[in-house]
Amino acid sequence: MNLKDESTGAVGINWSRFFGVVVLNYTKSIEKAMENAALISVRRREAYIGWICPSFGVFKLNIDGSVHANAAACSGLVRDHTGSFLKGFTCNVGISL
């Protein structure tokens, strides 16, 4: 996929809309997980999490989110096959119930 356009170095993608959709879907996933968390007990486990470069010509989107004191936020970034940073975002999602 080629994401180059005149203003951002990426074509055919409205980054604001793209990340908005990602954030909305991620927020819905968090809400669903929080609903399910009340129903199950999970043992906490620590694990090393690493990042692996994608194949040549492929971009990788990594996103993360957090909830603290009913305030939710998320962020993400896009990297290419060399691991170079292409685009990023942060978002205050708002109040989490």
PDB file of N, CA and C in Angstrom:
ATOM      1  N   MET A   1       0.849  -1.161   0.000  1.00  0.00           N
ATOM      2  CA  MET A   1       0.000   0.000   0.000  1.00  0.00           C
ATOM      3  C   MET A   1       0.897   1.226   0.000  1.00  0.00           C
ATOM      4  N   ASN A   2       0.610   2.184  -0.844  1.00  0.00           N
ATOM      5  CA  ASN A   2       1.356   3.430  -0.912  1.00  0.00           C
ATOM      6  C   ASN A   2       0.526   4.509  -0.238  1.00  0.00           C
ATOM      7  N   LEU A   3       1.041   5.106   0.832  1.00  0.00           N
ATOM      8  CA  LEU A   3       0.283   6.094   1.591  1.00  0.00           C
ATOM      9  C   LEU A   3       0.783   7.515   1.373  1.00  0.00           C
ATOM     10  N   LYS A   4       1.528   7.781   0.295  1.00  0.00           N
ATOM     11  CA  LYS A   4       2.118   9.112   0.105  1.00  0.00           C
ATOM     12  C   LYS A   4       1.123  10.141  -0.420  1.00  0.00           C
ATOM     13  N   ASP A   5       1.129  11.357   0.176  1.00  0.00           N
ATOM     14  CA  ASP A   5       0.383  12.493  -0.373  1.00  0.00           C
ATOM     15  C   ASP A   5       1.227  13.759  -0.274  1.00  0.00           C
ATOM     16  N   GLU A   6       0.781  14.850  -0.923  1.00  0.00           N
ATOM     17  CA  GLU A   6       1.616  16.049  -1.011  1.00  0.00           C
ATOM     18  C   GLU A   6       1.964  16.638   0.359  1.00  0.00           C
ATOM     19  N   SER A   7       1.047  16.662   1.271  1.00  0.00           N
ATOM     20  CA  SER A   7       1.281  17.376   2.520  1.00  0.00           C
ATOM     21  C   SER A   7       2.000  16.556   3.583  1.00  0.00           C
ATOM     22  N   THR A   8       1.818  15.262   3.598  1.00  0.00           N
ATOM     23  CA  THR A   8       2.367  14.462   4.701  1.00  0.00           C
ATOM     24  C   THR A   8       3.397  13.453   4.248  1.00  0.00           C
ATOM     25  N   GLY A   9       3.652  13.344   2.962  1.00  0.00           N
ATOM     26  CA  GLY A   9       4.539  12.298   2.477  1.00  0.00           C
ATOM     27  C   GLY A   9       3.782  10.999   2.281  1.00  0.00           C
ATOM     28  N   ALA A  10       2.463  11.031   2.352  1.00  0.00           N
ATOM     29  CA  ALA A  10       1.683   9.827   2.151  1.00  0.00           C
ATOM     30  C   ALA A  10       0.487  10.105   1.236  1.00  0.00           C
ATOM     31  N   VAL A  11       0.169   9.227   0.246  1.00  0.00           N
ATOM     32  CA  VAL A  11      -0.850   9.479  -0.803  1.00  0.00           C
ATOM     33  C   VAL A  11      -2.201   8.838  -0.501  1.00  0.00           C
ATOM     34  N   GLY A  12      -3.264   9.615  -0.759  1.00  0.00           N
ATOM     35  CA  GLY A  12      -4.606   9.059  -0.732  1.00  0.00           C
ATOM     36  C   GLY A  12      -5.189   8.821   0.633  1.00  0.00           C
ATOM     37  N   ILE A  13      -4.515   9.186   1.705  1.00  0.00           N
ATOM     38  CA  ILE A  13      -5.028   8.928   3.047  1.00  0.00           C
ATOM     39  C   ILE A  13      -5.256  10.264   3.749  1.00  0.00           C
ATOM     40  N   ASN A  14      -6.456  10.474   4.249  1.00  0.00           N
ATOM     41  CA  ASN A  14      -6.748  11.609   5.108  1.00  0.00           C
ATOM     42  C   ASN A  14      -6.389  11.150   6.517  1.00  0.00           C
ATOM     43  N   TRP A  15      -5.215  11.549   6.977  1.00  0.00           N
ATOM     44  CA  TRP A  15      -4.692  11.029   8.250  1.00  0.00           C
ATOM     45  C   TRP A  15      -5.617  11.330   9.421  1.00  0.00           C
ATOM     46  N   SER A  16      -6.209  12.507   9.460  1.00  0.00           N
ATOM     47  CA  SER A  16      -7.105  12.836  10.568  1.00  0.00           C
ATOM     48  C   SER A  16      -8.273  11.859  10.622  1.00  0.00           C
ATOM     49  N   ARG A  17      -8.872  11.590   9.471  1.00  0.00           N
ATOM     50  CA  ARG A  17      -9.996  10.660   9.419  1.00  0.00           C
ATOM     51  C   ARG A  17      -9.530   9.234   9.736  1.00  0.00           C
ATOM     52  N   PHE A  18      -8.388   8.826   9.167  1.00  0.00           N
ATOM     53  CA  PHE A  18      -7.850   7.485   9.378  1.00  0.00           C
ATOM     54  C   PHE A  18      -7.622   7.219  10.870  1.00  0.00           C
ATOM     55  N   PHE A  19      -6.921   8.141  11.543  1.00  0.00           N
ATOM     56  CA  PHE A  19      -6.646   7.945  12.959  1.00  0.00           C
ATOM     57  C   PHE A  19      -7.903   8.082  13.797  1.00  0.00           C
ATOM     58  N   GLY A  20      -8.836   8.946  13.350  1.00  0.00           N
ATOM     59  CA  GLY A  20     -10.111   9.051  14.059  1.00  0.00           C
ATOM     60  C   GLY A  20     -10.860   7.737  14.072  1.00  0.00           C
ATOM     61  N   VAL A  21     -10.881   7.056  12.929  1.00  0.00           N
ATOM     62  CA  VAL A  21     -11.543   5.750  12.837  1.00  0.00           C
ATOM     63  C   VAL A  21     -10.818   4.727  13.709  1.00  0.00           C
ATOM     64  N   VAL A  22      -9.479   4.743  13.675  1.00  0.00           N
ATOM     65  CA  VAL A  22      -8.703   3.818  14.505  1.00  0.00           C
ATOM     66  C   VAL A  22      -8.995   4.059  15.978  1.00  0.00           C
ATOM     67  N   VAL A  23      -8.988   5.315  16.386  1.00  0.00           N
ATOM     68  CA  VAL A  23      -9.237   5.655  17.787  1.00  0.00           C
ATOM     69  C   VAL A  23     -10.652   5.250  18.202  1.00  0.00           C
ATOM     70  N   LEU A  24     -11.637   5.511  17.357  1.00  0.00           N
ATOM     71  CA  LEU A  24     -13.017   5.137  17.671  1.00  0.00           C
ATOM     72  C   LEU A  24     -13.137   3.629  17.858  1.00  0.00           C
ATOM     73  N   ASN A  25     -12.577   2.854  16.932  1.00  0.00           N
ATOM     74  CA  ASN A  25     -12.643   1.397  17.041  1.00  0.00           C
ATOM     75  C   ASN A  25     -11.887   0.898  18.263  1.00  0.00           C
ATOM     76  N   TYR A  26     -10.740   1.516  18.544  1.00  0.00           N
ATOM     77  CA  TYR A  26      -9.951   1.117  19.713  1.00  0.00           C
ATOM     78  C   TYR A  26     -10.725   1.419  20.997  1.00  0.00           C
ATOM     79  N   THR A  27     -11.376   2.574  21.040  1.00  0.00           N
ATOM     80  CA  THR A  27     -12.164   2.957  22.210  1.00  0.00           C
ATOM     81  C   THR A  27     -13.296   1.971  22.446  1.00  0.00           C
ATOM     82  N   LYS A  28     -13.971   1.566  21.374  1.00  0.00           N
ATOM     83  CA  LYS A  28     -15.046   0.579  21.507  1.00  0.00           C
ATOM     84  C   LYS A  28     -14.506  -0.742  22.039  1.00  0.00           C
ATOM     85  N   SER A  29     -13.307  -1.130  21.593  1.00  0.00           N
ATOM     86  CA  SER A  29     -12.686  -2.361  22.088  1.00  0.00           C
ATOM     87  C   SER A  29     -12.368  -2.263  23.567  1.00  0.00           C
ATOM     88  N   ILE A  30     -11.870  -1.101  23.990  1.00  0.00           N
ATOM     89  CA  ILE A  30     -11.559  -0.891  25.405  1.00  0.00           C
ATOM     90  C   ILE A  30     -12.828  -0.987  26.242  1.00  0.00           C
ATOM     91  N   GLU A  31     -13.899  -0.341  25.789  1.00  0.00           N
ATOM     92  CA  GLU A  31     -15.165  -0.384  26.521  1.00  0.00           C
ATOM     93  C   GLU A  31     -15.669  -1.816  26.658  1.00  0.00           C
ATOM     94  N   LYS A  32     -15.592  -2.587  25.567  1.00  0.00           N
ATOM     95  CA  LYS A  32     -16.039  -3.984  25.603  1.00  0.00           C
ATOM     96  C   LYS A  32     -15.175  -4.806  26.559  1.00  0.00           C
ATOM     97  N   ALA A  33     -13.863  -4.576  26.509  1.00  0.00           N
ATOM     98  CA  ALA A  33     -12.955  -5.304  27.397  1.00  0.00           C
ATOM     99  C   ALA A  33     -13.229  -4.963  28.856  1.00  0.00           C
ATOM    100  N   MET A  34     -13.553  -3.697  29.127  1.00  0.00           N
ATOM    101  CA  MET A  34     -13.849  -3.299  30.502  1.00  0.00           C
ATOM    102  C   MET A  34     -15.143  -3.936  30.993  1.00  0.00           C
ATOM    103  N   GLU A  35     -16.130  -4.062  30.099  1.00  0.00           N
ATOM    104  CA  GLU A  35     -17.372  -4.747  30.464  1.00  0.00           C
ATOM    105  C   GLU A  35     -17.080  -6.203  30.811  1.00  0.00           C
ATOM    106  N   ASN A  36     -16.262  -6.849  29.981  1.00  0.00           N
ATOM    107  CA  ASN A  36     -15.932  -8.256  30.205  1.00  0.00           C
ATOM    108  C   ASN A  36     -15.026  -8.446  31.416  1.00  0.00           C
ATOM    109  N   ALA A  37     -14.197  -7.443  31.736  1.00  0.00           N
ATOM    110  CA  ALA A  37     -13.271  -7.554  32.869  1.00  0.00           C
ATOM    111  C   ALA A  37     -14.024  -7.704  34.180  1.00  0.00           C
ATOM    112  N   ALA A  38     -15.206  -7.110  34.251  1.00  0.00           N
ATOM    113  CA  ALA A  38     -16.005  -7.235  35.459  1.00  0.00           C
ATOM    114  C   ALA A  38     -16.509  -8.664  35.644  1.00  0.00           C
ATOM    115  N   LEU A  39     -16.551  -9.439  34.563  1.00  0.00           N
ATOM    116  CA  LEU A  39     -17.091 -10.790  34.621  1.00  0.00           C
ATOM    117  C   LEU A  39     -16.030 -11.861  34.857  1.00  0.00           C
ATOM    118  N   ILE A  40     -14.767 -11.543  34.573  1.00  0.00           N
ATOM    119  CA  ILE A  40     -13.714 -12.554  34.714  1.00  0.00           C
ATOM    120  C   ILE A  40     -12.574 -12.020  35.560  1.00  0.00           C
ATOM    121  N   SER A  41     -11.879 -12.928  36.204  1.00  0.00           N
ATOM    122  CA  SER A  41     -10.718 -12.570  37.001  1.00  0.00           C
ATOM    123  C   SER A  41      -9.466 -12.972  36.223  1.00  0.00           C
ATOM    124  N   VAL A  42      -8.544 -12.042  36.063  1.00  0.00           N
ATOM    125  CA  VAL A  42      -7.343 -12.314  35.278  1.00  0.00           C
ATOM    126  C   VAL A  42      -6.123 -12.183  36.173  1.00  0.00           C
ATOM    127  N   ARG A  43      -5.233 -13.180  36.105  1.00  0.00           N
ATOM    128  CA  ARG A  43      -3.971 -13.093  36.827  1.00  0.00           C
ATOM    129  C   ARG A  43      -3.026 -12.206  36.035  1.00  0.00           C
ATOM    130  N   ARG A  44      -2.351 -11.328  36.712  1.00  0.00           N
ATOM    131  CA  ARG A  44      -1.425 -10.409  36.065  1.00  0.00           C
ATOM    132  C   ARG A  44      -0.103 -11.103  35.788  1.00  0.00           C
ATOM    133  N   ARG A  45       0.457 -10.841  34.608  1.00  0.00           N
ATOM    134  CA  ARG A  45       1.711 -11.455  34.214  1.00  0.00           C
ATOM    135  C   ARG A  45       2.532 -10.423  33.450  1.00  0.00           C
ATOM    136  N   GLU A  46       3.822 -10.352  33.743  1.00  0.00           N
ATOM    137  CA  GLU A  46       4.702  -9.442  33.025  1.00  0.00           C
ATOM    138  C   GLU A  46       5.373 -10.187  31.881  1.00  0.00           C
ATOM    139  N   ALA A  47       5.502  -9.503  30.747  1.00  0.00           N
ATOM    140  CA  ALA A  47       6.140 -10.122  29.583  1.00  0.00           C
ATOM    141  C   ALA A  47       6.851  -9.047  28.768  1.00  0.00           C
ATOM    142  N   TYR A  48       7.982  -9.379  28.198  1.00  0.00           N
ATOM    143  CA  TYR A  48       8.684  -8.468  27.312  1.00  0.00           C
ATOM    144  C   TYR A  48       7.918  -8.406  25.997  1.00  0.00           C
ATOM    145  N   ILE A  49       7.671  -7.203  25.543  1.00  0.00           N
ATOM    146  CA  ILE A  49       6.985  -7.012  24.271  1.00  0.00           C
ATOM    147  C   ILE A  49       7.929  -6.252  23.355  1.00  0.00           C
ATOM    148  N   GLY A  50       8.235  -6.797  22.210  1.00  0.00           N
ATOM    149  CA  GLY A  50       9.153  -6.161  21.276  1.00  0.00           C
ATOM    150  C   GLY A  50       8.442  -5.748  20.002  1.00  0.00           C
ATOM    151  N   TRP A  51       9.155  -5.019  19.151  1.00  0.00           N
ATOM    152  CA  TRP A  51       8.620  -4.555  17.892  1.00  0.00           C
ATOM    153  C   TRP A  51       9.420  -5.176  16.767  1.00  0.00           C
ATOM    154  N   ILE A  52       8.749  -5.739  15.785  1.00  0.00           N
ATOM    155  CA  ILE A  52       9.409  -6.358  14.633  1.00  0.00           C
ATOM    156  C   ILE A  52       9.050  -5.547  13.391  1.00  0.00           C
ATOM    157  N   CYS A  53      10.074  -5.163  12.617  1.00  0.00           N
ATOM    158  CA  CYS A  53       9.844  -4.389  11.393  1.00  0.00           C
ATOM    159  C   CYS A  53       8.962  -5.174  10.423  1.00  0.00           C
ATOM    160  N   PRO A  54       8.075  -4.473   9.710  1.00  0.00           N
ATOM    161  CA  PRO A  54       7.274  -5.152   8.695  1.00  0.00           C
ATOM    162  C   PRO A  54       8.104  -5.419   7.440  1.00  0.00           C
ATOM    163  N   SER A  55       7.546  -6.124   6.504  1.00  0.00           N
ATOM    164  CA  SER A  55       8.210  -6.416   5.233  1.00  0.00           C
ATOM    165  C   SER A  55       8.413  -5.140   4.423  1.00  0.00           C
ATOM    166  N   PHE A  56       9.313  -5.201   3.437  1.00  0.00           N
ATOM    167  CA  PHE A  56       9.583  -4.062   2.569  1.00  0.00           C
ATOM    168  C   PHE A  56       8.287  -3.580   1.913  1.00  0.00           C
ATOM    169  N   GLY A  57       8.065  -2.273   1.929  1.00  0.00           N
ATOM    170  CA  GLY A  57       6.879  -1.684   1.306  1.00  0.00           C
ATOM    171  C   GLY A  57       5.625  -1.740   2.157  1.00  0.00           C
ATOM    172  N   VAL A  58       5.743  -2.260   3.376  1.00  0.00           N
ATOM    173  CA  VAL A  58       4.588  -2.387   4.271  1.00  0.00           C
ATOM    174  C   VAL A  58       4.767  -1.415   5.424  1.00  0.00           C
ATOM    175  N   PHE A  59       3.667  -0.845   5.904  1.00  0.00           N
ATOM    176  CA  PHE A  59       3.686   0.065   7.040  1.00  0.00           C
ATOM    177  C   PHE A  59       3.043  -0.634   8.230  1.00  0.00           C
ATOM    178  N   LYS A  60       3.502  -0.296   9.428  1.00  0.00           N
ATOM    179  CA  LYS A  60       2.951  -0.893  10.632  1.00  0.00           C
ATOM    180  C   LYS A  60       2.399   0.204  11.528  1.00  0.00           C
ATOM    181  N   LEU A  61       1.153   0.027  11.972  1.00  0.00           N
ATOM    182  CA  LEU A  61       0.492   0.947  12.884  1.00  0.00           C
ATOM    183  C   LEU A  61       0.473   0.304  14.264  1.00  0.00           C
ATOM    184  N   ASN A  62       1.081   0.963  15.238  1.00  0.00           N
ATOM    185  CA  ASN A  62       1.049   0.512  16.623  1.00  0.00           C
ATOM    186  C   ASN A  62       0.235   1.515  17.422  1.00  0.00           C
ATOM    187  N   ILE A  63      -0.735   1.011  18.199  1.00  0.00           N
ATOM    188  CA  ILE A  63      -1.558   1.884  19.022  1.00  0.00           C
ATOM    189  C   ILE A  63      -1.581   1.375  20.452  1.00  0.00           C
ATOM    190  N   ASP A  64      -1.843   2.274  21.380  1.00  0.00           N
ATOM    191  CA  ASP A  64      -1.934   1.915  22.784  1.00  0.00           C
ATOM    192  C   ASP A  64      -2.916   2.879  23.437  1.00  0.00           C
ATOM    193  N   GLY A  65      -3.470   2.474  24.524  1.00  0.00           N
ATOM    194  CA  GLY A  65      -4.408   3.321  25.235  1.00  0.00           C
ATOM    195  C   GLY A  65      -4.306   3.098  26.727  1.00  0.00           C
ATOM    196  N   SER A  66      -4.871   4.012  27.480  1.00  0.00           N
ATOM    197  CA  SER A  66      -4.857   3.869  28.929  1.00  0.00           C
ATOM    198  C   SER A  66      -6.102   4.514  29.522  1.00  0.00           C
ATOM    199  N   VAL A  67      -6.457   4.042  30.705  1.00  0.00           N
ATOM    200  CA  VAL A  67      -7.563   4.613  31.461  1.00  0.00           C
ATOM    201  C   VAL A  67      -7.060   4.812  32.870  1.00  0.00           C
ATOM    202  N   HIS A  68      -7.237   6.021  33.391  1.00  0.00           N
ATOM    203  CA  HIS A  68      -6.829   6.325  34.765  1.00  0.00           C
ATOM    204  C   HIS A  68      -7.864   7.271  35.357  1.00  0.00           C
ATOM    205  N   ALA A  69      -8.421   6.891  36.466  1.00  0.00           N
ATOM    206  CA  ALA A  69      -9.419   7.722  37.152  1.00  0.00           C
ATOM    207  C   ALA A  69     -10.538   8.138  36.197  1.00  0.00           C
ATOM    208  N   ASN A  70     -11.033   7.182  35.410  1.00  0.00           N
ATOM    209  CA  ASN A  70     -12.120   7.374  34.444  1.00  0.00           C
ATOM    210  C   ASN A  70     -11.775   8.279  33.271  1.00  0.00           C
ATOM    211  N   ALA A  71     -10.509   8.638  33.088  1.00  0.00           N
ATOM    212  CA  ALA A  71     -10.080   9.422  31.930  1.00  0.00           C
ATOM    213  C   ALA A  71      -9.339   8.490  30.978  1.00  0.00           C
ATOM    214  N   ALA A  72      -9.756   8.474  29.715  1.00  0.00           N
ATOM    215  CA  ALA A  72      -9.156   7.571  28.739  1.00  0.00           C
ATOM    216  C   ALA A  72      -8.378   8.359  27.689  1.00  0.00           C
ATOM    217  N   ALA A  73      -7.272   7.787  27.245  1.00  0.00           N
ATOM    218  CA  ALA A  73      -6.449   8.411  26.206  1.00  0.00           C
ATOM    219  C   ALA A  73      -5.823   7.305  25.364  1.00  0.00           C
ATOM    220  N   CYS A  74      -5.405   7.663  24.161  1.00  0.00           N
ATOM    221  CA  CYS A  74      -4.733   6.694  23.307  1.00  0.00           C
ATOM    222  C   CYS A  74      -3.712   7.427  22.435  1.00  0.00           C
ATOM    223  N   SER A  75      -2.808   6.657  21.862  1.00  0.00           N
ATOM    224  CA  SER A  75      -1.802   7.216  20.965  1.00  0.00           C
ATOM    225  C   SER A  75      -1.354   6.121  20.013  1.00  0.00           C
ATOM    226  N   GLY A  76      -0.677   6.523  18.975  1.00  0.00           N
ATOM    227  CA  GLY A  76      -0.183   5.546  18.021  1.00  0.00           C
ATOM    228  C   GLY A  76       0.839   6.149  17.088  1.00  0.00           C
ATOM    229  N   LEU A  77       1.495   5.277  16.337  1.00  0.00           N
ATOM    230  CA  LEU A  77       2.463   5.738  15.357  1.00  0.00           C
ATOM    231  C   LEU A  77       2.550   4.751  14.212  1.00  0.00           C
ATOM    232  N   VAL A  78       2.992   5.262  13.070  1.00  0.00           N
ATOM    233  CA  VAL A  78       3.174   4.443  11.869  1.00  0.00           C
ATOM    234  C   VAL A  78       4.664   4.435  11.548  1.00  0.00           C
ATOM    235  N   ARG A  79       5.201   3.240  11.288  1.00  0.00           N
ATOM    236  CA  ARG A  79       6.600   3.090  10.886  1.00  0.00           C
ATOM    237  C   ARG A  79       6.675   2.278   9.602  1.00  0.00           C
ATOM    238  N   ASP A  80       7.760   2.472   8.870  1.00  0.00           N
ATOM    239  CA  ASP A  80       7.958   1.708   7.636  1.00  0.00           C
ATOM    240  C   ASP A  80       8.841   0.484   7.901  1.00  0.00           C
ATOM    241  N   HIS A  81       9.252  -0.196   6.835  1.00  0.00           N
ATOM    242  CA  HIS A  81      10.032  -1.432   6.956  1.00  0.00           C
ATOM    243  C   HIS A  81      11.418  -1.215   7.560  1.00  0.00           C
ATOM    244  N   THR A  82      11.901   0.031   7.597  1.00  0.00           N
ATOM    245  CA  THR A  82      13.199   0.313   8.222  1.00  0.00           C
ATOM    246  C   THR A  82      13.045   0.703   9.684  1.00  0.00           C
ATOM    247  N   GLY A  83      11.801   0.840  10.141  1.00  0.00           N
ATOM    248  CA  GLY A  83      11.532   1.267  11.507  1.00  0.00           C
ATOM    249  C   GLY A  83      11.467   2.779  11.631  1.00  0.00           C
ATOM    250  N   SER A  84      11.563   3.495  10.505  1.00  0.00           N
ATOM    251  CA  SER A  84      11.507   4.955  10.535  1.00  0.00           C
ATOM    252  C   SER A  84      10.098   5.444  10.870  1.00  0.00           C
ATOM    253  N   PHE A  85      10.033   6.452  11.735  1.00  0.00           N
ATOM    254  CA  PHE A  85       8.767   7.068  12.123  1.00  0.00           C
ATOM    255  C   PHE A  85       8.186   7.828  10.927  1.00  0.00           C
ATOM    256  N   LEU A  86       6.905   7.584  10.609  1.00  0.00           N
ATOM    257  CA  LEU A  86       6.237   8.276   9.512  1.00  0.00           C
ATOM    258  C   LEU A  86       5.173   9.246  10.008  1.00  0.00           C
ATOM    259  N   LYS A  87       4.360   8.809  10.957  1.00  0.00           N
ATOM    260  CA  LYS A  87       3.232   9.606  11.420  1.00  0.00           C
ATOM    261  C   LYS A  87       2.860   9.142  12.815  1.00  0.00           C
ATOM    262  N   GLY A  88       2.324  10.049  13.623  1.00  0.00           N
ATOM    263  CA  GLY A  88       1.895   9.676  14.963  1.00  0.00           C
ATOM    264  C   GLY A  88       0.704  10.497  15.396  1.00  0.00           C
ATOM    265  N   PHE A  89       0.080  10.089  16.482  1.00  0.00           N
ATOM    266  CA  PHE A  89      -1.060  10.821  17.009  1.00  0.00           C
ATOM    267  C   PHE A  89      -1.226  10.536  18.489  1.00  0.00           C
ATOM    268  N   THR A  90      -1.888  11.455  19.182  1.00  0.00           N
ATOM    269  CA  THR A  90      -2.346  11.243  20.535  1.00  0.00           C
ATOM    270  C   THR A  90      -3.779  11.756  20.602  1.00  0.00           C
ATOM    271  N   CYS A  91      -4.563  11.192  21.502  1.00  0.00           N
ATOM    272  CA  CYS A  91      -5.965  11.578  21.580  1.00  0.00           C
ATOM    273  C   CYS A  91      -6.475  11.409  23.003  1.00  0.00           C
ATOM    274  N   ASN A  92      -7.097  12.451  23.507  1.00  0.00           N
ATOM    275  CA  ASN A  92      -7.801  12.378  24.790  1.00  0.00           C
ATOM    276  C   ASN A  92      -9.193  11.868  24.472  1.00  0.00           C
ATOM    277  N   VAL A  93      -9.474  10.633  24.792  1.00  0.00           N
ATOM    278  CA  VAL A  93     -10.747  10.017  24.450  1.00  0.00           C
ATOM    279  C   VAL A  93     -11.875  10.585  25.297  1.00  0.00           C
ATOM    280  N   GLY A  94     -11.578  10.938  26.529  1.00  0.00           N
ATOM    281  CA  GLY A  94     -12.600  11.521  27.400  1.00  0.00           C
ATOM    282  C   GLY A  94     -12.867  10.638  28.598  1.00  0.00           C
ATOM    283  N   ILE A  95     -14.074  10.697  29.085  1.00  0.00           N
ATOM    284  CA  ILE A  95     -14.455   9.960  30.290  1.00  0.00           C
ATOM    285  C   ILE A  95     -14.798   8.518  29.933  1.00  0.00           C
ATOM    286  N   SER A  96     -14.246   7.615  30.714  1.00  0.00           N
ATOM    287  CA  SER A  96     -14.535   6.190  30.542  1.00  0.00           C
ATOM    288  C   SER A  96     -15.410   5.747  31.708  1.00  0.00           C
ATOM    289  N   LEU A  97     -16.503   5.121  31.407  1.00  0.00           N
ATOM    290  CA  LEU A  97     -17.439   4.711  32.462  1.00  0.00           C
ATOM    291  C   LEU A  97     -17.080   3.381  33.045  1.00  0.00           C
TER     292      LEU A  97
END
